[in-house]
Amino acid sequence: MKCMKTWTTKSGYRIIRILSGRSNVFLLTNGEQNILIDTSPKNKWAKLEKEFDRLKIRHIDYLILTHTHFDHAANAHKIKEKFNSKVIVHRAEAQYLSSGDNIVPKGTNPFTRILVKLFAIRFLQGCRYEPCKYDILVDALFDLKEFGFNATIIPTPGHSTGSMSVVVDNEIAIVGDAMFGIFPGSVFPPYASDVKQMIASWGVLLKTDCSLFLPAHGSANSRSLLQKDYDKRKLRLRATSAH
């Protein structure tokens, strides 16, 4: 199907993009343990469930939320209920998951800044989702070896305070909204709570050996594209600071 794409790492782990469009949903599997990364918005639940059935996914052992915005966490309760999955979230955003509330992001360009100004209250009211209990809180590097994977959760704040990425085999990173894969020649998201912090998180990701970065929106980003945008944005930050 159009939405499904698979990457295989050097250890034989498979990363399957089982849902795309409004939000990408990824499944990381070693053939025995399954980890889901993000859940898509609540209006995509039927489609997501259909993909689980089509791919014969009978268990999801862990659910990692890259952050708790509605288009990433809205189906967390349903995943936990259906599969009895253990839910992993950053400590800084645990209260949002527990209440079903959203953090309002800031716009990073004139257009999105206006959108946030005009629709922030409506966003908070209309994008609430079913609360979900978390099982594991992360606030630093979190090794997934005990779960059967040569993989690490790393904090990559900036888009939101508790944004996280999953680095698999030091080869592929699943990065949530730390970057986008929609705009030609750029990975820069249209929304971020702290742009300076987000760019610093790009630097953290570039310190890995990953050659591919899978965002929650759009297509995979190459290391060279990330490096190019990182260098450009760092120069802009220095120039702004100098003034």
C-alpha atoms as a PDB file:
ATOM      1  CA  MET A   1       0.000   0.000   0.000  1.00  0.00           C
ATOM      2  CA  LYS A   2       1.031   3.605  -0.509  1.00  0.00           C
ATOM      3  CA  CYS A   3       1.475   4.437   3.161  1.00  0.00           C
ATOM      4  CA  MET A   4       3.610   1.427   4.084  1.00  0.00           C
ATOM      5  CA  LYS A   5       7.353   1.666   3.702  1.00  0.00           C
ATOM      6  CA  THR A   6       9.972  -0.483   5.423  1.00  0.00           C
ATOM      7  CA  TRP A   7      13.586   0.088   6.422  1.00  0.00           C
ATOM      8  CA  THR A   8      15.846  -2.701   7.702  1.00  0.00           C
ATOM      9  CA  THR A   9      18.842  -1.906   9.925  1.00  0.00           C
ATOM     10  CA  LYS A  10      22.154  -3.742  10.189  1.00  0.00           C
ATOM     11  CA  SER A  11      20.872  -5.863  13.106  1.00  0.00           C
ATOM     12  CA  GLY A  12      17.870  -6.941  11.064  1.00  0.00           C
ATOM     13  CA  TYR A  13      15.353  -4.756  12.869  1.00  0.00           C
ATOM     14  CA  ARG A  14      12.496  -3.592  10.683  1.00  0.00           C
ATOM     15  CA  ILE A  15      11.003  -0.123  10.866  1.00  0.00           C
ATOM     16  CA  ILE A  16       7.613  -0.121   9.178  1.00  0.00           C
ATOM     17  CA  ARG A  17       5.737   3.063   8.438  1.00  0.00           C
ATOM     18  CA  ILE A  18       2.268   1.681   8.904  1.00  0.00           C
ATOM     19  CA  LEU A  19       0.434   4.991   8.597  1.00  0.00           C
ATOM     20  CA  SER A  20       1.263   8.199   6.766  1.00  0.00           C
ATOM     21  CA  GLY A  21      -0.524  11.314   5.621  1.00  0.00           C
ATOM     22  CA  ARG A  22      -1.598  13.552   8.492  1.00  0.00           C
ATOM     23  CA  SER A  23       0.923  11.851  10.765  1.00  0.00           C
ATOM     24  CA  ASN A  24       3.353   8.990  10.294  1.00  0.00           C
ATOM     25  CA  VAL A  25       3.151   6.017  12.635  1.00  0.00           C
ATOM     26  CA  PHE A  26       6.137   3.671  12.831  1.00  0.00           C
ATOM     27  CA  LEU A  27       6.466   0.115  14.095  1.00  0.00           C
ATOM     28  CA  LEU A  28       9.890  -1.074  15.230  1.00  0.00           C
ATOM     29  CA  THR A  29      10.157  -4.855  15.388  1.00  0.00           C
ATOM     30  CA  ASN A  30      12.856  -7.464  15.972  1.00  0.00           C
ATOM     31  CA  GLY A  31      10.498 -10.306  15.064  1.00  0.00           C
ATOM     32  CA  GLU A  32       9.549 -10.944  18.684  1.00  0.00           C
ATOM     33  CA  GLN A  33       9.023  -7.584  20.351  1.00  0.00           C
ATOM     34  CA  ASN A  34       7.042  -4.772  18.754  1.00  0.00           C
ATOM     35  CA  ILE A  35       7.405  -1.092  19.603  1.00  0.00           C
ATOM     36  CA  LEU A  36       4.991   1.468  18.172  1.00  0.00           C
ATOM     37  CA  ILE A  37       6.170   5.065  17.825  1.00  0.00           C
ATOM     38  CA  ASP A  38       3.297   7.588  17.955  1.00  0.00           C
ATOM     39  CA  THR A  39      -0.371   6.912  17.238  1.00  0.00           C
ATOM     40  CA  SER A  40      -1.778   9.528  14.776  1.00  0.00           C
ATOM     41  CA  PRO A  41      -4.857  11.701  15.553  1.00  0.00           C
ATOM     42  CA  LYS A  42      -8.036  10.101  16.860  1.00  0.00           C
ATOM     43  CA  ASN A  43      -9.858  10.321  13.517  1.00  0.00           C
ATOM     44  CA  LYS A  44      -7.294   7.893  12.069  1.00  0.00           C
ATOM     45  CA  TRP A  45      -7.950   5.113  14.580  1.00  0.00           C
ATOM     46  CA  ALA A  46     -10.080   2.983  12.255  1.00  0.00           C
ATOM     47  CA  LYS A  47      -7.438   3.189   9.540  1.00  0.00           C
ATOM     48  CA  LEU A  48      -4.660   2.385  12.008  1.00  0.00           C
ATOM     49  CA  GLU A  49      -6.555  -0.602  13.372  1.00  0.00           C
ATOM     50  CA  LYS A  50      -7.142  -1.836   9.830  1.00  0.00           C
ATOM     51  CA  GLU A  51      -3.387  -1.695   9.193  1.00  0.00           C
ATOM     52  CA  PHE A  52      -2.699  -3.685  12.363  1.00  0.00           C
ATOM     53  CA  ASP A  53      -5.060  -6.383  11.107  1.00  0.00           C
ATOM     54  CA  ARG A  54      -3.645  -6.323   7.578  1.00  0.00           C
ATOM     55  CA  LEU A  55      -0.084  -6.696   8.873  1.00  0.00           C
ATOM     56  CA  LYS A  56      -1.206  -9.334  11.400  1.00  0.00           C
ATOM     57  CA  ILE A  57       0.128  -7.323  14.330  1.00  0.00           C
ATOM     58  CA  ARG A  58      -1.190  -9.186  17.350  1.00  0.00           C
ATOM     59  CA  HIS A  59       0.841  -7.490  20.066  1.00  0.00           C
ATOM     60  CA  ILE A  60       2.433  -4.116  20.693  1.00  0.00           C
ATOM     61  CA  ASP A  61       4.688  -4.451  23.686  1.00  0.00           C
ATOM     62  CA  TYR A  62       5.625  -0.789  24.043  1.00  0.00           C
ATOM     63  CA  LEU A  63       4.300   2.520  22.787  1.00  0.00           C
ATOM     64  CA  ILE A  64       6.787   5.389  22.620  1.00  0.00           C
ATOM     65  CA  LEU A  65       5.345   8.877  22.257  1.00  0.00           C
ATOM     66  CA  THR A  66       7.756  11.341  20.686  1.00  0.00           C
ATOM     67  CA  HIS A  67       5.609  14.011  22.375  1.00  0.00           C
ATOM     68  CA  THR A  68       2.018  14.451  23.483  1.00  0.00           C
ATOM     69  CA  HIS A  69       0.392  16.641  20.820  1.00  0.00           C
ATOM     70  CA  PHE A  70      -2.978  15.288  19.657  1.00  0.00           C
ATOM     71  CA  ASP A  71      -1.659  14.084  16.288  1.00  0.00           C
ATOM     72  CA  HIS A  72       0.871  11.860  18.059  1.00  0.00           C
ATOM     73  CA  ALA A  73      -0.817  10.726  21.270  1.00  0.00           C
ATOM     74  CA  ALA A  74      -4.588  10.798  20.668  1.00  0.00           C
ATOM     75  CA  ASN A  75      -4.878   7.021  20.192  1.00  0.00           C
ATOM     76  CA  ALA A  76      -2.556   6.079  23.046  1.00  0.00           C
ATOM     77  CA  HIS A  77      -5.451   5.013  25.273  1.00  0.00           C
ATOM     78  CA  LYS A  78      -6.867   2.773  22.536  1.00  0.00           C
ATOM     79  CA  ILE A  79      -3.443   1.179  21.873  1.00  0.00           C
ATOM     80  CA  LYS A  80      -2.968   0.497  25.572  1.00  0.00           C
ATOM     81  CA  GLU A  81      -6.483  -0.894  25.872  1.00  0.00           C
ATOM     82  CA  LYS A  82      -6.234  -3.114  22.771  1.00  0.00           C
ATOM     83  CA  PHE A  83      -2.716  -4.497  23.289  1.00  0.00           C
ATOM     84  CA  ASN A  84      -1.988  -3.851  26.972  1.00  0.00           C
ATOM     85  CA  SER A  85       1.080  -1.913  25.792  1.00  0.00           C
ATOM     86  CA  LYS A  86       3.418  -0.145  28.195  1.00  0.00           C
ATOM     87  CA  VAL A  87       3.410   3.561  27.359  1.00  0.00           C
ATOM     88  CA  ILE A  88       6.665   5.525  27.394  1.00  0.00           C
ATOM     89  CA  VAL A  89       6.610   9.324  27.524  1.00  0.00           C
ATOM     90  CA  HIS A  90       8.913  12.148  28.600  1.00  0.00           C
ATOM     91  CA  ARG A  91       8.461  13.203  32.215  1.00  0.00           C
ATOM     92  CA  ALA A  92       7.936  16.849  31.181  1.00  0.00           C
ATOM     93  CA  GLU A  93       4.775  15.927  29.231  1.00  0.00           C
ATOM     94  CA  ALA A  94       3.349  13.164  31.395  1.00  0.00           C
ATOM     95  CA  GLN A  95       0.655  15.438  32.794  1.00  0.00           C
ATOM     96  CA  TYR A  96      -0.624  16.240  29.294  1.00  0.00           C
ATOM     97  CA  LEU A  97      -0.973  12.561  28.424  1.00  0.00           C
ATOM     98  CA  SER A  98      -2.741  11.930  31.739  1.00  0.00           C
ATOM     99  CA  SER A  99      -5.244  14.711  31.083  1.00  0.00           C
ATOM    100  CA  GLY A 100      -5.556  14.572  27.277  1.00  0.00           C
ATOM    101  CA  ASP A 101      -4.513  18.188  26.983  1.00  0.00           C
ATOM    102  CA  ASN A 102      -2.186  19.782  24.435  1.00  0.00           C
ATOM    103  CA  ILE A 103       0.751  22.138  24.625  1.00  0.00           C
ATOM    104  CA  VAL A 104       0.215  25.049  22.269  1.00  0.00           C
ATOM    105  CA  PRO A 105       3.297  25.325  20.025  1.00  0.00           C
ATOM    106  CA  LYS A 106       4.682  28.622  18.761  1.00  0.00           C
ATOM    107  CA  GLY A 107       4.810  29.442  15.073  1.00  0.00           C
ATOM    108  CA  THR A 108       8.261  29.576  13.504  1.00  0.00           C
ATOM    109  CA  ASN A 109       7.289  31.775  10.541  1.00  0.00           C
ATOM    110  CA  PRO A 110       4.937  34.767  10.102  1.00  0.00           C
ATOM    111  CA  PHE A 111       2.060  32.641   8.784  1.00  0.00           C
ATOM    112  CA  THR A 112       2.117  30.035  11.569  1.00  0.00           C
ATOM    113  CA  ARG A 113       2.599  32.718  14.222  1.00  0.00           C
ATOM    114  CA  ILE A 114      -0.643  34.342  13.042  1.00  0.00           C
ATOM    115  CA  LEU A 115      -2.413  30.953  13.044  1.00  0.00           C
ATOM    116  CA  VAL A 116      -1.354  30.272  16.621  1.00  0.00           C
ATOM    117  CA  LYS A 117      -2.444  33.756  17.714  1.00  0.00           C
ATOM    118  CA  LEU A 118      -5.868  33.378  16.101  1.00  0.00           C
ATOM    119  CA  PHE A 119      -6.662  29.760  16.907  1.00  0.00           C
ATOM    120  CA  ALA A 120      -4.741  28.809  20.068  1.00  0.00           C
ATOM    121  CA  ILE A 121      -7.828  28.632  22.286  1.00  0.00           C
ATOM    122  CA  ARG A 122      -9.801  26.695  19.675  1.00  0.00           C
ATOM    123  CA  PHE A 123      -6.827  24.349  19.286  1.00  0.00           C
ATOM    124  CA  LEU A 124      -6.792  23.620  23.018  1.00  0.00           C
ATOM    125  CA  GLN A 125     -10.542  23.011  23.108  1.00  0.00           C
ATOM    126  CA  GLY A 126     -10.928  21.013  19.905  1.00  0.00           C
ATOM    127  CA  CYS A 127      -7.850  18.807  20.075  1.00  0.00           C
ATOM    128  CA  ARG A 128      -8.296  17.266  23.505  1.00  0.00           C
ATOM    129  CA  TYR A 129      -8.055  13.479  23.455  1.00  0.00           C
ATOM    130  CA  GLU A 130      -8.799  10.521  25.687  1.00  0.00           C
ATOM    131  CA  PRO A 131      -6.376  10.548  28.635  1.00  0.00           C
ATOM    132  CA  CYS A 132      -3.934   7.672  28.915  1.00  0.00           C
ATOM    133  CA  LYS A 133      -1.958   6.290  31.828  1.00  0.00           C
ATOM    134  CA  TYR A 134       1.790   6.155  31.279  1.00  0.00           C
ATOM    135  CA  ASP A 135       4.041   3.336  32.456  1.00  0.00           C
ATOM    136  CA  ILE A 136       7.601   4.565  31.926  1.00  0.00           C
ATOM    137  CA  LEU A 137       8.877   8.130  32.223  1.00  0.00           C
ATOM    138  CA  VAL A 138      11.994   9.299  30.400  1.00  0.00           C
ATOM    139  CA  ASP A 139      14.031  12.417  31.120  1.00  0.00           C
ATOM    140  CA  ALA A 140      17.489  11.360  29.891  1.00  0.00           C
ATOM    141  CA  LEU A 141      19.015   8.764  27.563  1.00  0.00           C
ATOM    142  CA  PHE A 142      16.979   5.574  27.836  1.00  0.00           C
ATOM    143  CA  ASP A 143      18.451   2.306  26.604  1.00  0.00           C
ATOM    144  CA  LEU A 144      16.102  -0.160  24.902  1.00  0.00           C
ATOM    145  CA  LYS A 145      18.496  -3.132  25.126  1.00  0.00           C
ATOM    146  CA  GLU A 146      16.437  -4.785  27.846  1.00  0.00           C
ATOM    147  CA  PHE A 147      13.507  -4.634  25.422  1.00  0.00           C
ATOM    148  CA  GLY A 148      15.507  -6.535  22.794  1.00  0.00           C
ATOM    149  CA  PHE A 149      16.807  -3.660  20.660  1.00  0.00           C
ATOM    150  CA  ASN A 150      20.099  -1.942  20.044  1.00  0.00           C
ATOM    151  CA  ALA A 151      18.277   1.365  20.286  1.00  0.00           C
ATOM    152  CA  THR A 152      18.105   4.421  22.515  1.00  0.00           C
ATOM    153  CA  ILE A 153      15.508   7.047  23.323  1.00  0.00           C
ATOM    154  CA  ILE A 154      17.135  10.471  23.428  1.00  0.00           C
ATOM    155  CA  PRO A 155      15.531  13.756  24.499  1.00  0.00           C
ATOM    156  CA  THR A 156      15.351  16.158  21.540  1.00  0.00           C
ATOM    157  CA  PRO A 157      13.437  19.140  22.957  1.00  0.00           C
ATOM    158  CA  GLY A 158      12.540  22.242  21.010  1.00  0.00           C
ATOM    159  CA  HIS A 159       9.350  21.428  19.168  1.00  0.00           C
ATOM    160  CA  SER A 160       7.987  20.768  22.640  1.00  0.00           C
ATOM    161  CA  THR A 161       9.653  20.517  26.031  1.00  0.00           C
ATOM    162  CA  GLY A 162       9.400  16.738  26.179  1.00  0.00           C
ATOM    163  CA  SER A 163      10.084  15.841  22.561  1.00  0.00           C
ATOM    164  CA  MET A 164      12.073  12.602  22.125  1.00  0.00           C
ATOM    165  CA  SER A 165      13.664  10.621  19.292  1.00  0.00           C
ATOM    166  CA  VAL A 166      14.418   6.919  18.934  1.00  0.00           C
ATOM    167  CA  VAL A 167      17.866   6.061  17.553  1.00  0.00           C
ATOM    168  CA  VAL A 168      17.918   2.526  16.119  1.00  0.00           C
ATOM    169  CA  ASP A 169      21.214   0.681  15.559  1.00  0.00           C
ATOM    170  CA  ASN A 170      22.915   4.102  15.487  1.00  0.00           C
ATOM    171  CA  GLU A 171      21.736   4.085  11.880  1.00  0.00           C
ATOM    172  CA  ILE A 172      18.159   5.406  11.658  1.00  0.00           C
ATOM    173  CA  ALA A 173      16.467   7.924  13.959  1.00  0.00           C
ATOM    174  CA  ILE A 174      12.700   8.274  14.353  1.00  0.00           C
ATOM    175  CA  VAL A 175      12.433  11.925  15.293  1.00  0.00           C
ATOM    176  CA  GLY A 176       8.809  12.961  15.749  1.00  0.00           C
ATOM    177  CA  ASP A 177       8.471  16.694  15.087  1.00  0.00           C
ATOM    178  CA  ALA A 178      12.093  17.566  15.834  1.00  0.00           C
ATOM    179  CA  MET A 179      12.176  18.061  12.071  1.00  0.00           C
ATOM    180  CA  PHE A 180       9.742  17.836   9.139  1.00  0.00           C
ATOM    181  CA  GLY A 181      10.070  16.047   5.817  1.00  0.00           C
ATOM    182  CA  ILE A 182       7.642  18.170   3.841  1.00  0.00           C
ATOM    183  CA  PHE A 183       9.450  21.264   2.617  1.00  0.00           C
ATOM    184  CA  PRO A 184      11.998  20.959  -0.232  1.00  0.00           C
ATOM    185  CA  GLY A 185      15.558  21.693   0.897  1.00  0.00           C
ATOM    186  CA  SER A 186      14.689  22.136   4.579  1.00  0.00           C
ATOM    187  CA  VAL A 187      13.835  20.110   7.669  1.00  0.00           C
ATOM    188  CA  PHE A 188      12.639  23.170   9.647  1.00  0.00           C
ATOM    189  CA  PRO A 189       9.213  22.653  11.306  1.00  0.00           C
ATOM    190  CA  PRO A 190       6.499  25.296  11.070  1.00  0.00           C
ATOM    191  CA  TYR A 191       5.956  25.089  14.832  1.00  0.00           C
ATOM    192  CA  ALA A 192       8.359  24.913  17.769  1.00  0.00           C
ATOM    193  CA  SER A 193       8.236  25.989  21.390  1.00  0.00           C
ATOM    194  CA  ASP A 194      11.938  26.897  21.397  1.00  0.00           C
ATOM    195  CA  VAL A 195      13.737  27.188  18.051  1.00  0.00           C
ATOM    196  CA  LYS A 196      17.193  27.553  19.590  1.00  0.00           C
ATOM    197  CA  GLN A 197      16.668  24.406  21.650  1.00  0.00           C
ATOM    198  CA  MET A 198      15.341  22.538  18.619  1.00  0.00           C
ATOM    199  CA  ILE A 199      18.419  23.387  16.555  1.00  0.00           C
ATOM    200  CA  ALA A 200      20.588  22.212  19.449  1.00  0.00           C
ATOM    201  CA  SER A 201      18.655  18.916  19.298  1.00  0.00           C
ATOM    202  CA  TRP A 202      19.572  18.640  15.613  1.00  0.00           C
ATOM    203  CA  GLY A 203      23.181  18.863  16.757  1.00  0.00           C
ATOM    204  CA  VAL A 204      22.574  16.020  19.195  1.00  0.00           C
ATOM    205  CA  LEU A 205      21.116  13.884  16.403  1.00  0.00           C
ATOM    206  CA  LEU A 206      24.072  14.701  14.155  1.00  0.00           C
ATOM    207  CA  LYS A 207      26.429  13.396  16.854  1.00  0.00           C
ATOM    208  CA  THR A 208      24.977   9.945  16.213  1.00  0.00           C
ATOM    209  CA  ASP A 209      26.037   7.951  13.158  1.00  0.00           C
ATOM    210  CA  CYS A 210      22.511   7.984  11.766  1.00  0.00           C
ATOM    211  CA  SER A 211      22.270   8.502   8.029  1.00  0.00           C
ATOM    212  CA  LEU A 212      18.464   8.689   7.885  1.00  0.00           C
ATOM    213  CA  PHE A 213      15.948  10.610   9.977  1.00  0.00           C
ATOM    214  CA  LEU A 214      12.273   9.644   9.891  1.00  0.00           C
ATOM    215  CA  PRO A 215       9.967  12.524  10.865  1.00  0.00           C
ATOM    216  CA  ALA A 216       6.338  12.281  11.893  1.00  0.00           C
ATOM    217  CA  HIS A 217       5.279  14.430   8.945  1.00  0.00           C
ATOM    218  CA  GLY A 218       6.517  13.834   5.428  1.00  0.00           C
ATOM    219  CA  SER A 219       9.351  11.768   4.007  1.00  0.00           C
ATOM    220  CA  ALA A 220      12.710  10.634   5.376  1.00  0.00           C
ATOM    221  CA  ASN A 221      15.471  13.238   5.659  1.00  0.00           C
ATOM    222  CA  SER A 222      19.075  12.502   4.729  1.00  0.00           C
ATOM    223  CA  ARG A 223      21.984  13.325   6.989  1.00  0.00           C
ATOM    224  CA  SER A 224      23.360  15.754   4.407  1.00  0.00           C
ATOM    225  CA  LEU A 225      20.085  17.711   4.333  1.00  0.00           C
ATOM    226  CA  LEU A 226      19.945  17.891   8.125  1.00  0.00           C
ATOM    227  CA  GLN A 227      23.583  18.984   8.292  1.00  0.00           C
ATOM    228  CA  LYS A 228      22.981  21.696   5.675  1.00  0.00           C
ATOM    229  CA  ASP A 229      19.955  23.109   7.491  1.00  0.00           C
ATOM    230  CA  TYR A 230      21.691  22.844  10.873  1.00  0.00           C
ATOM    231  CA  ASP A 231      24.718  24.801   9.649  1.00  0.00           C
ATOM    232  CA  LYS A 232      22.497  27.461   8.068  1.00  0.00           C
ATOM    233  CA  ARG A 233      20.329  27.913  11.160  1.00  0.00           C
ATOM    234  CA  LYS A 234      23.339  28.013  13.479  1.00  0.00           C
ATOM    235  CA  LEU A 235      24.821  30.837  11.432  1.00  0.00           C
ATOM    236  CA  ARG A 236      21.541  32.747  11.640  1.00  0.00           C
ATOM    237  CA  LEU A 237      21.406  32.293  15.411  1.00  0.00           C
ATOM    238  CA  ARG A 238      24.990  33.584  15.753  1.00  0.00           C
ATOM    239  CA  ALA A 239      24.195  36.586  13.575  1.00  0.00           C
ATOM    240  CA  THR A 240      21.086  37.352  15.630  1.00  0.00           C
ATOM    241  CA  SER A 241      23.024  37.024  18.885  1.00  0.00           C
ATOM    242  CA  ALA A 242      25.766  39.333  17.588  1.00  0.00           C
ATOM    243  CA  HIS A 243      23.152  42.065  17.175  1.00  0.00           C
END
